[in-house]
C-alpha atoms as a PDB file:
ATOM      1  CA  MET A   1      27.496   2.157  -5.082  1.00  0.00           C
ATOM      2  CA  LYS A   2      24.019   2.547  -6.546  1.00  0.00           C
ATOM      3  CA  ARG A   3      21.655   4.534  -4.321  1.00  0.00           C
ATOM      4  CA  SER A   4      18.693   2.567  -3.010  1.00  0.00           C
ATOM      5  CA  VAL A   5      15.265   3.601  -4.233  1.00  0.00           C
ATOM      6  CA  PHE A   6      13.842   3.014  -0.743  1.00  0.00           C
ATOM      7  CA  LEU A   7      13.719   6.058   1.505  1.00  0.00           C
ATOM      8  CA  ASP A   8      14.179   4.013   4.685  1.00  0.00           C
ATOM      9  CA  GLU A   9      17.452   2.566   3.377  1.00  0.00           C
ATOM     10  CA  LEU A  10      19.058   5.988   2.843  1.00  0.00           C
ATOM     11  CA  THR A  11      20.966   8.197   5.244  1.00  0.00           C
ATOM     12  CA  ASP A  12      19.809  11.725   6.007  1.00  0.00           C
ATOM     13  CA  PRO A  13      22.558  13.293   3.835  1.00  0.00           C
ATOM     14  CA  GLN A  14      21.596  10.996   0.967  1.00  0.00           C
ATOM     15  CA  VAL A  15      17.974  12.122   1.208  1.00  0.00           C
ATOM     16  CA  ALA A  16      19.105  15.756   1.359  1.00  0.00           C
ATOM     17  CA  GLY A  17      21.131  15.220  -1.789  1.00  0.00           C
ATOM     18  CA  TYR A  18      18.172  13.709  -3.581  1.00  0.00           C
ATOM     19  CA  LEU A  19      15.949  16.629  -2.596  1.00  0.00           C
ATOM     20  CA  LYS A  20      18.209  19.030  -4.482  1.00  0.00           C
ATOM     21  CA  GLY A  21      16.769  17.626  -7.706  1.00  0.00           C
ATOM     22  CA  TYR A  22      13.496  18.866  -9.186  1.00  0.00           C
ATOM     23  CA  PRO A  23      10.868  17.819  -8.802  1.00  0.00           C
ATOM     24  CA  ALA A  24      11.771  15.582  -5.874  1.00  0.00           C
ATOM     25  CA  MET A  25       9.209  12.765  -5.980  1.00  0.00           C
ATOM     26  CA  VAL A  26       8.249  10.248  -3.322  1.00  0.00           C
ATOM     27  CA  LEU A  27       5.918   7.307  -3.786  1.00  0.00           C
ATOM     28  CA  VAL A  28       3.961   6.090  -0.757  1.00  0.00           C
ATOM     29  CA  PRO A  29       2.682   2.496  -1.063  1.00  0.00           C
ATOM     30  CA  THR A  30      -0.693   2.451   0.681  1.00  0.00           C
ATOM     31  CA  GLY A  31      -2.010  -1.005   1.415  1.00  0.00           C
ATOM     32  CA  ALA A  32      -3.737  -3.058   4.061  1.00  0.00           C
ATOM     33  CA  THR A  33      -3.309  -5.985   6.410  1.00  0.00           C
ATOM     34  CA  GLU A  34      -6.163  -8.294   5.583  1.00  0.00           C
ATOM     35  CA  GLN A  35      -6.740 -11.934   4.688  1.00  0.00           C
ATOM     36  CA  HIS A  36      -6.207 -13.116   1.131  1.00  0.00           C
ATOM     37  CA  GLY A  37      -7.585 -16.621   1.343  1.00  0.00           C
ATOM     38  CA  ALA A  38      -5.759 -19.644   2.723  1.00  0.00           C
ATOM     39  CA  HIS A  39      -3.033 -19.335   0.084  1.00  0.00           C
ATOM     40  CA  GLY A  40      -2.082 -15.637   0.123  1.00  0.00           C
ATOM     41  CA  PRO A  41      -0.286 -13.543   2.746  1.00  0.00           C
ATOM     42  CA  VAL A  42      -2.221 -10.952   4.750  1.00  0.00           C
ATOM     43  CA  GLY A  43       0.308  -8.427   3.454  1.00  0.00           C
ATOM     44  CA  THR A  44      -0.620  -9.027  -0.193  1.00  0.00           C
ATOM     45  CA  ASP A  45      -1.635  -5.403  -0.809  1.00  0.00           C
ATOM     46  CA  VAL A  46       1.550  -4.073   0.794  1.00  0.00           C
ATOM     47  CA  ILE A  47       3.765  -6.515  -1.120  1.00  0.00           C
ATOM     48  CA  ILE A  48       2.217  -5.607  -4.469  1.00  0.00           C
ATOM     49  CA  GLY A  49       2.160  -1.870  -3.762  1.00  0.00           C
ATOM     50  CA  ARG A  50       5.781  -1.776  -2.640  1.00  0.00           C
ATOM     51  CA  GLU A  51       6.944  -3.767  -5.657  1.00  0.00           C
ATOM     52  CA  VAL A  52       5.051  -1.514  -8.063  1.00  0.00           C
ATOM     53  CA  CYS A  53       6.532   1.541  -6.338  1.00  0.00           C
ATOM     54  CA  ARG A  54      10.020   0.048  -6.546  1.00  0.00           C
ATOM     55  CA  ARG A  55       9.694  -0.411 -10.291  1.00  0.00           C
ATOM     56  CA  VAL A  56       8.098   3.002 -10.821  1.00  0.00           C
ATOM     57  CA  GLY A  57      10.682   4.644  -8.567  1.00  0.00           C
ATOM     58  CA  GLU A  58      13.513   3.241 -10.645  1.00  0.00           C
ATOM     59  CA  ALA A  59      11.807   4.323 -13.860  1.00  0.00           C
ATOM     60  CA  LYS A  60      10.976   7.850 -12.638  1.00  0.00           C
ATOM     61  CA  SER A  61      14.027   8.489 -10.405  1.00  0.00           C
ATOM     62  CA  ALA A  62      11.700   8.737  -7.423  1.00  0.00           C
ATOM     63  CA  LEU A  63      12.125   7.522  -3.858  1.00  0.00           C
ATOM     64  CA  VAL A  64       9.793   5.005  -2.233  1.00  0.00           C
ATOM     65  CA  ALA A  65       8.609   5.756   1.300  1.00  0.00           C
ATOM     66  CA  PRO A  66       7.940   2.979   3.823  1.00  0.00           C
ATOM     67  CA  PRO A  67       4.503   1.518   3.105  1.00  0.00           C
ATOM     68  CA  ILE A  68       1.381   2.336   5.049  1.00  0.00           C
ATOM     69  CA  PRO A  69       0.624  -1.277   6.031  1.00  0.00           C
ATOM     70  CA  TYR A  70      -2.827  -0.689   7.538  1.00  0.00           C
ATOM     71  CA  GLY A  71      -5.865   0.510   5.664  1.00  0.00           C
ATOM     72  CA  ILE A  72      -9.638   0.561   5.775  1.00  0.00           C
ATOM     73  CA  SER A  73     -10.395  -3.150   5.964  1.00  0.00           C
ATOM     74  CA  ALA A  74     -13.609  -3.299   7.988  1.00  0.00           C
ATOM     75  CA  GLY A  75     -15.244  -5.346   5.254  1.00  0.00           C
ATOM     76  CA  HIS A  76     -12.984  -8.235   6.291  1.00  0.00           C
ATOM     77  CA  ARG A  77     -14.029  -8.216   9.933  1.00  0.00           C
ATOM     78  CA  GLY A  78     -14.616 -11.801  11.020  1.00  0.00           C
ATOM     79  CA  PHE A  79     -11.472 -13.192   9.430  1.00  0.00           C
ATOM     80  CA  LYS A  80      -8.469 -13.535  11.755  1.00  0.00           C
ATOM     81  CA  GLY A  81      -5.759 -12.007   9.582  1.00  0.00           C
ATOM     82  CA  VAL A  82      -7.106  -8.461   9.611  1.00  0.00           C
ATOM     83  CA  ALA A  83      -5.923  -5.198  11.170  1.00  0.00           C
ATOM     84  CA  SER A  84      -8.048  -2.223  10.152  1.00  0.00           C
ATOM     85  CA  LEU A  85      -8.045   1.528  10.800  1.00  0.00           C
ATOM     86  CA  ASN A  86     -11.084   3.693  11.374  1.00  0.00           C
ATOM     87  CA  VAL A  87     -11.720   6.133   8.545  1.00  0.00           C
ATOM     88  CA  ASP A  88     -10.886   9.240  10.604  1.00  0.00           C
ATOM     89  CA  THR A  89      -7.624   7.661  11.815  1.00  0.00           C
ATOM     90  CA  PHE A  90      -6.639   6.732   8.277  1.00  0.00           C
ATOM     91  CA  VAL A  91      -7.462  10.178   6.883  1.00  0.00           C
ATOM     92  CA  LYS A  92      -5.413  11.874   9.595  1.00  0.00           C
ATOM     93  CA  LEU A  93      -2.506   9.501   9.017  1.00  0.00           C
ATOM     94  CA  VAL A  94      -2.400  10.215   5.284  1.00  0.00           C
ATOM     95  CA  SER A  95      -2.735  13.960   5.876  1.00  0.00           C
ATOM     96  CA  ASP A  96       0.107  13.998   8.414  1.00  0.00           C
ATOM     97  CA  ILE A  97       2.398  11.950   6.171  1.00  0.00           C
ATOM     98  CA  THR A  98       1.651  14.288   3.269  1.00  0.00           C
ATOM     99  CA  MET A  99       2.517  17.403   5.240  1.00  0.00           C
ATOM    100  CA  SER A 100       5.663  15.846   6.731  1.00  0.00           C
ATOM    101  CA  LEU A 101       7.011  14.781   3.351  1.00  0.00           C
ATOM    102  CA  ALA A 102       6.205  18.183   1.872  1.00  0.00           C
ATOM    103  CA  GLU A 103       7.913  19.922   4.786  1.00  0.00           C
ATOM    104  CA  ALA A 104      10.996  17.759   4.196  1.00  0.00           C
ATOM    105  CA  GLY A 105      11.185  19.038   0.625  1.00  0.00           C
ATOM    106  CA  PHE A 106       9.373  16.528  -1.550  1.00  0.00           C
ATOM    107  CA  ARG A 107       7.367  18.355  -4.201  1.00  0.00           C
ATOM    108  CA  ARG A 108       5.621  15.378  -5.804  1.00  0.00           C
ATOM    109  CA  ILE A 109       3.947  13.085  -3.276  1.00  0.00           C
ATOM    110  CA  VAL A 110       2.140  10.140  -4.858  1.00  0.00           C
ATOM    111  CA  PHE A 111       0.091   7.709  -2.779  1.00  0.00           C
ATOM    112  CA  LEU A 112       0.056   4.454  -4.757  1.00  0.00           C
ATOM    113  CA  ASN A 113      -2.986   2.659  -3.418  1.00  0.00           C
ATOM    114  CA  SER A 114      -3.393  -1.118  -3.494  1.00  0.00           C
ATOM    115  CA  ASN A 115      -6.483  -1.579  -1.304  1.00  0.00           C
ATOM    116  CA  TYR A 116      -9.771  -0.669  -2.974  1.00  0.00           C
ATOM    117  CA  THR A 117     -11.516   0.805   0.070  1.00  0.00           C
ATOM    118  CA  ASN A 118      -8.649   3.170   0.876  1.00  0.00           C
ATOM    119  CA  TYR A 119      -9.012   5.299  -2.216  1.00  0.00           C
ATOM    120  CA  PRO A 120     -11.868   7.667  -1.307  1.00  0.00           C
ATOM    121  CA  ALA A 121     -10.310   8.325   2.107  1.00  0.00           C
ATOM    122  CA  ILE A 122      -6.878   9.074   0.631  1.00  0.00           C
ATOM    123  CA  ASN A 123      -8.414  11.654  -1.680  1.00  0.00           C
ATOM    124  CA  LEU A 124     -10.327  13.173   1.230  1.00  0.00           C
ATOM    125  CA  ALA A 125      -7.072  13.486   3.190  1.00  0.00           C
ATOM    126  CA  LEU A 126      -5.261  15.089   0.259  1.00  0.00           C
ATOM    127  CA  LEU A 127      -8.094  17.524  -0.346  1.00  0.00           C
ATOM    128  CA  ASP A 128      -7.826  18.540   3.297  1.00  0.00           C
ATOM    129  CA  ALA A 129      -4.035  18.939   3.096  1.00  0.00           C
ATOM    130  CA  SER A 130      -3.871  20.731  -0.258  1.00  0.00           C
ATOM    131  CA  PRO A 131      -4.326  24.330   0.977  1.00  0.00           C
ATOM    132  CA  ARG A 132      -1.429  23.847   3.417  1.00  0.00           C
ATOM    133  CA  LEU A 133       1.091  22.423   0.968  1.00  0.00           C
ATOM    134  CA  PRO A 134       4.131  24.555   0.095  1.00  0.00           C
ATOM    135  CA  GLU A 135       3.872  26.370  -3.199  1.00  0.00           C
ATOM    136  CA  GLY A 136       4.837  24.113  -6.073  1.00  0.00           C
ATOM    137  CA  SER A 137       4.000  20.934  -4.164  1.00  0.00           C
ATOM    138  CA  ARG A 138       1.479  18.405  -5.442  1.00  0.00           C
ATOM    139  CA  ALA A 139       0.037  15.374  -3.705  1.00  0.00           C
ATOM    140  CA  PHE A 140      -2.303  12.945  -5.381  1.00  0.00           C
ATOM    141  CA  ALA A 141      -3.436   9.329  -5.175  1.00  0.00           C
ATOM    142  CA  LEU A 142      -3.747   6.538  -7.691  1.00  0.00           C
ATOM    143  CA  SER A 143      -5.063   3.010  -7.319  1.00  0.00           C
ATOM    144  CA  TYR A 144      -2.627   1.094  -9.487  1.00  0.00           C
ATOM    145  CA  TRP A 145      -5.271  -0.915 -11.370  1.00  0.00           C
ATOM    146  CA  ASP A 146      -7.002   2.294 -12.475  1.00  0.00           C
ATOM    147  CA  ALA A 147      -3.915   3.149 -14.515  1.00  0.00           C
ATOM    148  CA  LEU A 148      -4.207   0.032 -16.667  1.00  0.00           C
ATOM    149  CA  PRO A 149      -5.839   0.043 -20.103  1.00  0.00           C
ATOM    150  CA  LYS A 150      -9.203  -1.714 -19.928  1.00  0.00           C
ATOM    151  CA  ALA A 151      -8.107  -4.971 -21.571  1.00  0.00           C
ATOM    152  CA  GLU A 152      -5.151  -5.353 -19.206  1.00  0.00           C
ATOM    153  CA  ARG A 153      -7.202  -4.343 -16.157  1.00  0.00           C
ATOM    154  CA  ASP A 154      -9.984  -6.815 -16.983  1.00  0.00           C
ATOM    155  CA  GLU A 155      -7.454  -9.636 -17.189  1.00  0.00           C
ATOM    156  CA  TYR A 156      -5.962  -8.708 -13.830  1.00  0.00           C
ATOM    157  CA  LEU A 157      -8.843  -7.502 -11.656  1.00  0.00           C
ATOM    158  CA  GLY A 158     -12.552  -7.069 -12.244  1.00  0.00           C
ATOM    159  CA  VAL A 159     -15.974  -8.703 -12.409  1.00  0.00           C
ATOM    160  CA  ILE A 160     -14.693 -11.522 -14.650  1.00  0.00           C
ATOM    161  CA  ALA A 161     -11.216 -11.993 -13.156  1.00  0.00           C
ATOM    162  CA  GLY A 162     -12.345 -11.429  -9.575  1.00  0.00           C
ATOM    163  CA  PHE A 163     -11.491  -8.691  -7.104  1.00  0.00           C
ATOM    164  CA  HIS A 164      -9.634 -10.287  -4.197  1.00  0.00           C
ATOM    165  CA  ALA A 165      -6.945 -12.974  -3.783  1.00  0.00           C
ATOM    166  CA  ASN A 166      -7.637 -13.879  -7.411  1.00  0.00           C
ATOM    167  CA  SER A 167      -5.234 -15.043 -10.099  1.00  0.00           C
ATOM    168  CA  GLY A 168      -3.967 -11.502 -10.784  1.00  0.00           C
ATOM    169  CA  GLU A 169      -3.123 -10.582  -7.202  1.00  0.00           C
ATOM    170  CA  THR A 170      -1.728 -14.035  -6.454  1.00  0.00           C
ATOM    171  CA  SER A 171       0.456 -13.961  -9.573  1.00  0.00           C
ATOM    172  CA  ALA A 172       1.832 -10.545  -8.630  1.00  0.00           C
ATOM    173  CA  VAL A 173       2.803 -11.801  -5.174  1.00  0.00           C
ATOM    174  CA  LEU A 174       4.345 -14.944  -6.697  1.00  0.00           C
ATOM    175  CA  ALA A 175       6.536 -12.661  -8.810  1.00  0.00           C
ATOM    176  CA  ALA A 176       7.520 -10.373  -5.925  1.00  0.00           C
ATOM    177  CA  ARG A 177       7.571 -12.648  -2.849  1.00  0.00           C
ATOM    178  CA  PRO A 178       6.971 -16.265  -3.893  1.00  0.00           C
ATOM    179  CA  GLU A 179       7.923 -17.657  -0.491  1.00  0.00           C
ATOM    180  CA  THR A 180       4.792 -16.080   1.038  1.00  0.00           C
ATOM    181  CA  VAL A 181       2.287 -17.952  -1.171  1.00  0.00           C
ATOM    182  CA  ASP A 182       1.042 -21.496  -0.568  1.00  0.00           C
ATOM    183  CA  MET A 183      -0.435 -22.591  -3.888  1.00  0.00           C
ATOM    184  CA  GLU A 184      -1.446 -25.952  -2.455  1.00  0.00           C
ATOM    185  CA  GLU A 185      -4.106 -24.061  -0.471  1.00  0.00           C
ATOM    186  CA  ALA A 186      -5.403 -22.049  -3.451  1.00  0.00           C
ATOM    187  CA  VAL A 187      -9.108 -22.499  -4.179  1.00  0.00           C
ATOM    188  CA  ALA A 188     -11.616 -20.542  -6.231  1.00  0.00           C
ATOM    189  CA  GLY A 189     -14.333 -18.500  -4.557  1.00  0.00           C
ATOM    190  CA  TRP A 190     -17.123 -16.328  -5.924  1.00  0.00           C
ATOM    191  CA  PRO A 191     -19.981 -14.384  -4.324  1.00  0.00           C
ATOM    192  CA  THR A 192     -23.429 -15.645  -5.264  1.00  0.00           C
ATOM    193  CA  PHE A 193     -25.351 -12.654  -6.607  1.00  0.00           C
ATOM    194  CA  PRO A 194     -29.096 -12.576  -7.260  1.00  0.00           C
ATOM    195  CA  PRO A 195     -30.346 -11.579 -10.718  1.00  0.00           C
ATOM    196  CA  LEU A 196     -29.698  -7.843 -11.160  1.00  0.00           C
ATOM    197  CA  LYS A 197     -31.792  -5.464 -13.264  1.00  0.00           C
ATOM    198  CA  GLY A 198     -29.194  -2.721 -13.507  1.00  0.00           C
ATOM    199  CA  PRO A 199     -25.398  -2.439 -13.818  1.00  0.00           C
ATOM    200  CA  ALA A 200     -23.629  -4.702 -11.363  1.00  0.00           C
ATOM    201  CA  MET A 201     -21.118  -2.332  -9.814  1.00  0.00           C
ATOM    202  CA  PRO A 202     -23.459   0.056  -7.917  1.00  0.00           C
ATOM    203  CA  ALA A 203     -25.096  -2.840  -6.095  1.00  0.00           C
ATOM    204  CA  ILE A 204     -21.736  -4.552  -5.536  1.00  0.00           C
ATOM    205  CA  LEU A 205     -20.233  -1.387  -4.047  1.00  0.00           C
ATOM    206  CA  ALA A 206     -23.316  -0.762  -1.909  1.00  0.00           C
ATOM    207  CA  PHE A 207     -22.861  -4.134  -0.245  1.00  0.00           C
ATOM    208  CA  PHE A 208     -19.092  -4.530  -0.126  1.00  0.00           C
ATOM    209  CA  GLU A 209     -17.806  -0.989   0.472  1.00  0.00           C
ATOM    210  CA  ALA A 210     -20.194   0.320   3.151  1.00  0.00           C
ATOM    211  CA  ASN A 211     -20.914  -2.818   5.127  1.00  0.00           C
ATOM    212  CA  GLN A 212     -18.616  -4.069   7.879  1.00  0.00           C
ATOM    213  CA  GLY A 213     -17.903  -7.759   7.550  1.00  0.00           C
ATOM    214  CA  SER A 214     -19.203  -7.876   3.981  1.00  0.00           C
ATOM    215  CA  ARG A 215     -16.322 -10.024   2.680  1.00  0.00           C
ATOM    216  CA  TYR A 216     -16.682 -12.395   5.620  1.00  0.00           C
ATOM    217  CA  GLN A 217     -20.396 -12.743   4.895  1.00  0.00           C
ATOM    218  CA  ALA A 218     -20.110 -13.213   1.131  1.00  0.00           C
ATOM    219  CA  LEU A 219     -16.721 -14.891   0.682  1.00  0.00           C
ATOM    220  CA  PRO A 220     -16.316 -17.716   3.200  1.00  0.00           C
ATOM    221  CA  GLN A 221     -12.984 -18.745   1.674  1.00  0.00           C
ATOM    222  CA  GLY A 222     -11.773 -15.141   1.547  1.00  0.00           C
ATOM    223  CA  VAL A 223     -11.343 -15.379  -2.220  1.00  0.00           C
ATOM    224  CA  TRP A 224     -13.097 -13.566  -5.059  1.00  0.00           C
ATOM    225  CA  GLY A 225     -11.800 -15.192  -8.208  1.00  0.00           C
ATOM    226  CA  ASP A 226      -9.784 -18.270  -9.148  1.00  0.00           C
ATOM    227  CA  PRO A 227      -6.137 -18.167  -8.040  1.00  0.00           C
ATOM    228  CA  THR A 228      -5.386 -21.767  -9.001  1.00  0.00           C
ATOM    229  CA  ASP A 229      -3.827 -20.805 -12.354  1.00  0.00           C
ATOM    230  CA  ALA A 230      -1.643 -18.036 -10.892  1.00  0.00           C
ATOM    231  CA  SER A 231       2.033 -17.993 -11.848  1.00  0.00           C
ATOM    232  CA  ALA A 232       5.128 -15.883 -11.260  1.00  0.00           C
ATOM    233  CA  GLU A 233       5.463 -15.427 -15.036  1.00  0.00           C
ATOM    234  CA  SER A 234       1.988 -13.907 -15.278  1.00  0.00           C
ATOM    235  CA  GLY A 235       2.710 -11.809 -12.197  1.00  0.00           C
ATOM    236  CA  ASP A 236       5.884 -10.354 -13.674  1.00  0.00           C
ATOM    237  CA  ARG A 237       4.008  -9.484 -16.863  1.00  0.00           C
ATOM    238  CA  PHE A 238       1.223  -7.828 -14.872  1.00  0.00           C
ATOM    239  CA  LEU A 239       3.748  -5.858 -12.806  1.00  0.00           C
ATOM    240  CA  ASP A 240       5.493  -4.634 -15.964  1.00  0.00           C
ATOM    241  CA  GLN A 241       2.141  -3.526 -17.390  1.00  0.00           C
ATOM    242  CA  ILE A 242       1.204  -1.794 -14.144  1.00  0.00           C
ATOM    243  CA  THR A 243       4.575  -0.024 -13.945  1.00  0.00           C
ATOM    244  CA  THR A 244       4.247   1.369 -17.451  1.00  0.00           C
ATOM    245  CA  ALA A 245       0.665   2.426 -16.791  1.00  0.00           C
ATOM    246  CA  VAL A 246       1.439   4.169 -13.493  1.00  0.00           C
ATOM    247  CA  CYS A 247       4.365   6.036 -15.081  1.00  0.00           C
ATOM    248  CA  ASN A 248       2.017   7.198 -17.838  1.00  0.00           C
ATOM    249  CA  VAL A 249      -0.508   8.509 -15.304  1.00  0.00           C
ATOM    250  CA  ILE A 250       2.215  10.382 -13.401  1.00  0.00           C
ATOM    251  CA  ASP A 251       3.346  12.017 -16.658  1.00  0.00           C
ATOM    252  CA  ASP A 252      -0.243  12.795 -17.640  1.00  0.00           C
ATOM    253  CA  THR A 253      -0.934  14.360 -14.241  1.00  0.00           C
ATOM    254  CA  GLU A 254       2.011  16.724 -14.705  1.00  0.00           C
ATOM    255  CA  LYS A 255       0.624  17.798 -18.067  1.00  0.00           C
ATOM    256  CA  VAL A 256      -2.872  18.300 -16.669  1.00  0.00           C
ATOM    257  CA  TYR A 257      -1.538  20.469 -13.840  1.00  0.00           C
ATOM    258  CA  ALA A 258       0.578  22.495 -16.256  1.00  0.00           C
ATOM    259  CA  GLN A 259      -2.336  23.189 -18.577  1.00  0.00           C
ATOM    260  CA  LEU A 260      -5.215  23.627 -16.148  1.00  0.00           C
ATOM    261  CA  THR A 261      -3.624  25.418 -13.207  1.00  0.00           C
ATOM    262  CA  THR A 262      -4.468  29.120 -13.307  1.00  0.00           C
ATOM    263  CA  SER A 263      -3.953  32.130 -11.089  1.00  0.00           C
ATOM    264  CA  GLN A 264      -7.677  32.772 -10.790  1.00  0.00           C
ATOM    265  CA  PRO A 265      -8.707  33.553  -7.198  1.00  0.00           C
ATOM    266  CA  TYR A 266     -11.129  31.200  -5.460  1.00  0.00           C
END
C-alpha cells in the first residue's frame, strides 16, 4: 500500500521509518481562517496551501504536516468568517512547531505560506528558533506565489489580477475542493484608490497590512479581483505551475545553503 504523504495519516512507526531517510523534509501549510467573499470558503488559504503541499510532497518525497489553520487576519476584522491570532501568539506557535518537528528528526522544515500577512511573522519566528535547531537542520518559509515567475504570478495574483478571493484563488479552490465554492455568488470587487504619485505597493501595504479592519473598510464584498471567470481547469494549471515553482525554490535554497554556509564565527 502506498504511504500517505500526510503526516497525520501515518502511524508512529511509519514516521520513524521515513525519518531514516536524508534529509527528512516536512512541509507545513500555513494559512488563515478568513472570509473570501460570498462565493469562497473561509478556509480558502488552508485548502490551497494543503493542496500545494500535497503536490510538492509527492514530487519531493516530503511529508505534509497538518495545516496551521489560523493566521494573522486582523485586516478582516468586521467580517463574520474570521478567526485571527495575535502576532505574538502566531510567532510562538510557529517557533514551537519548528522546534518540535526538529526534535522529532525532521531536518528540512518548510513553512508554505498562503496568507500574505503571515509571512513576516513566520520569518521572525524562524529567526528566533534558528540558534536552537539541531545541527544540520534548516527551517525556512515561502509564500507560494513568490516562487512563481513574474508572468505566471501576475496572472494569478497581483495588482491587475487582484489579491483576495480573485479568479486565481477561486480557480485553485475549484480545482482542489469544488464543493466549497458557490460560483452563483461570485462578484467582482476592487478597492477605490486615489491618484498616487509613487509606486502603488508601499501605499497599499501601509493601509492593508498595518491597519486592523482594512479589508472590511476597503472591500465591502470581501473580494479584490474578479472571480466570475474562475474555473477548475485554470486552477489545476495554476496549481501545477505553483508546484513546479515551489520545488525549484526548495532546490535553490539547498544550493544557496551549500555554497554560502561557512564556519566563520559570529
